[in-house]
Amino acid sequence: MNINEAAKYLFLSLPNVRRLLERGDITGTLTEQGGYVIDDASVEKYAKERKSAARGYFDSQTEDNDPLGL
């Protein structure tokens, strides 16, 4: 998968995907042409981690956590 495909799969911009590569959140190999070949498994793992984190956040939100008056 290349950066464009990873961006579409993760619903992220190209700079965000590059940032994930730089931070090591997803893994890829730099090609001779200057692009990346991104490991599909690392993209899938990142997507699952983000989905789990989002689900955990939404599950933790109750009306008890709302400020008074809202």
C-alpha atoms as a PDB file:
ATOM      1  CA  MET A   1       0.000   0.000   0.000  1.00  0.00           C
ATOM      2  CA  ASN A   2       1.306   3.494  -0.754  1.00  0.00           C
ATOM      3  CA  ILE A   3       0.728   6.730   1.173  1.00  0.00           C
ATOM      4  CA  ASN A   4      -2.335   7.683  -0.883  1.00  0.00           C
ATOM      5  CA  GLU A   5      -3.979   4.316  -0.281  1.00  0.00           C
ATOM      6  CA  ALA A   6      -3.198   4.447   3.449  1.00  0.00           C
ATOM      7  CA  ALA A   7      -4.650   7.962   3.663  1.00  0.00           C
ATOM      8  CA  LYS A   8      -7.880   6.851   2.005  1.00  0.00           C
ATOM      9  CA  TYR A   9      -8.132   3.734   4.169  1.00  0.00           C
ATOM     10  CA  LEU A  10      -7.567   5.681   7.404  1.00  0.00           C
ATOM     11  CA  PHE A  11      -9.556   8.770   6.294  1.00  0.00           C
ATOM     12  CA  LEU A  12      -6.497  10.964   6.932  1.00  0.00           C
ATOM     13  CA  SER A  13      -4.610  13.565   4.967  1.00  0.00           C
ATOM     14  CA  LEU A  14      -1.275  12.755   3.325  1.00  0.00           C
ATOM     15  CA  PRO A  15       0.709  14.863   5.848  1.00  0.00           C
ATOM     16  CA  ASN A  16      -0.936  12.956   8.707  1.00  0.00           C
ATOM     17  CA  VAL A  17       0.038   9.610   7.186  1.00  0.00           C
ATOM     18  CA  ARG A  18       3.615  10.855   6.757  1.00  0.00           C
ATOM     19  CA  ARG A  19       3.582  11.923  10.404  1.00  0.00           C
ATOM     20  CA  LEU A  20       2.420   8.441  11.435  1.00  0.00           C
ATOM     21  CA  LEU A  21       5.334   6.979   9.480  1.00  0.00           C
ATOM     22  CA  GLU A  22       7.817   9.369  11.116  1.00  0.00           C
ATOM     23  CA  ARG A  23       6.514   8.553  14.601  1.00  0.00           C
ATOM     24  CA  GLY A  24       6.535   4.823  13.909  1.00  0.00           C
ATOM     25  CA  ASP A  25       2.785   4.393  14.395  1.00  0.00           C
ATOM     26  CA  ILE A  26       2.719   2.660  11.009  1.00  0.00           C
ATOM     27  CA  THR A  27       5.673   1.093   9.237  1.00  0.00           C
ATOM     28  CA  GLY A  28       6.872   1.453   5.689  1.00  0.00           C
ATOM     29  CA  THR A  29       9.894   1.193   3.463  1.00  0.00           C
ATOM     30  CA  LEU A  30      11.252   4.120   1.473  1.00  0.00           C
ATOM     31  CA  THR A  31      11.522   3.302  -2.233  1.00  0.00           C
ATOM     32  CA  GLU A  32      14.238   4.445  -4.630  1.00  0.00           C
ATOM     33  CA  GLN A  33      11.708   6.837  -6.202  1.00  0.00           C
ATOM     34  CA  GLY A  34      11.179   8.561  -2.841  1.00  0.00           C
ATOM     35  CA  GLY A  35       7.772   7.098  -2.051  1.00  0.00           C
ATOM     36  CA  TYR A  36       6.808   4.623   0.619  1.00  0.00           C
ATOM     37  CA  VAL A  37       5.554   1.070   0.554  1.00  0.00           C
ATOM     38  CA  ILE A  38       3.517   0.854   3.742  1.00  0.00           C
ATOM     39  CA  ASP A  39       2.957  -2.404   5.590  1.00  0.00           C
ATOM     40  CA  ASP A  40      -0.751  -3.292   5.345  1.00  0.00           C
ATOM     41  CA  ALA A  41      -0.717  -5.026   8.727  1.00  0.00           C
ATOM     42  CA  SER A  42       0.607  -1.910  10.494  1.00  0.00           C
ATOM     43  CA  VAL A  43      -2.140   0.210   8.918  1.00  0.00           C
ATOM     44  CA  GLU A  44      -4.796  -2.290   9.964  1.00  0.00           C
ATOM     45  CA  LYS A  45      -3.361  -2.428  13.500  1.00  0.00           C
ATOM     46  CA  TYR A  46      -3.370   1.371  13.743  1.00  0.00           C
ATOM     47  CA  ALA A  47      -6.978   1.540  12.498  1.00  0.00           C
ATOM     48  CA  LYS A  48      -8.093  -1.036  15.083  1.00  0.00           C
ATOM     49  CA  GLU A  49      -6.288   0.810  17.891  1.00  0.00           C
ATOM     50  CA  ARG A  50      -7.948   4.115  16.934  1.00  0.00           C
ATOM     51  CA  LYS A  51     -11.378   2.486  16.694  1.00  0.00           C
ATOM     52  CA  SER A  52     -10.903   0.904  20.115  1.00  0.00           C
ATOM     53  CA  ALA A  53      -9.762   4.219  21.629  1.00  0.00           C
ATOM     54  CA  ALA A  54     -12.755   6.042  20.134  1.00  0.00           C
ATOM     55  CA  ARG A  55     -15.156   3.386  21.398  1.00  0.00           C
ATOM     56  CA  GLY A  56     -13.619   3.603  24.875  1.00  0.00           C
ATOM     57  CA  TYR A  57     -14.012   7.376  24.890  1.00  0.00           C
ATOM     58  CA  PHE A  58     -17.633   7.300  23.764  1.00  0.00           C
ATOM     59  CA  ASP A  59     -18.480   4.542  26.224  1.00  0.00           C
ATOM     60  CA  SER A  60     -17.011   6.621  29.061  1.00  0.00           C
ATOM     61  CA  GLN A  61     -19.219   9.609  28.270  1.00  0.00           C
ATOM     62  CA  THR A  62     -22.343   9.727  30.386  1.00  0.00           C
ATOM     63  CA  GLU A  63     -24.679  12.461  31.419  1.00  0.00           C
ATOM     64  CA  ASP A  64     -22.969  12.348  34.820  1.00  0.00           C
ATOM     65  CA  ASN A  65     -19.813  13.729  33.155  1.00  0.00           C
ATOM     66  CA  ASP A  66     -21.589  16.751  31.630  1.00  0.00           C
ATOM     67  CA  PRO A  67     -21.001  20.128  33.263  1.00  0.00           C
ATOM     68  CA  LEU A  68     -23.941  21.574  35.151  1.00  0.00           C
ATOM     69  CA  GLY A  69     -26.421  23.438  33.009  1.00  0.00           C
ATOM     70  CA  LEU A  70     -25.873  21.452  29.811  1.00  0.00           C
END
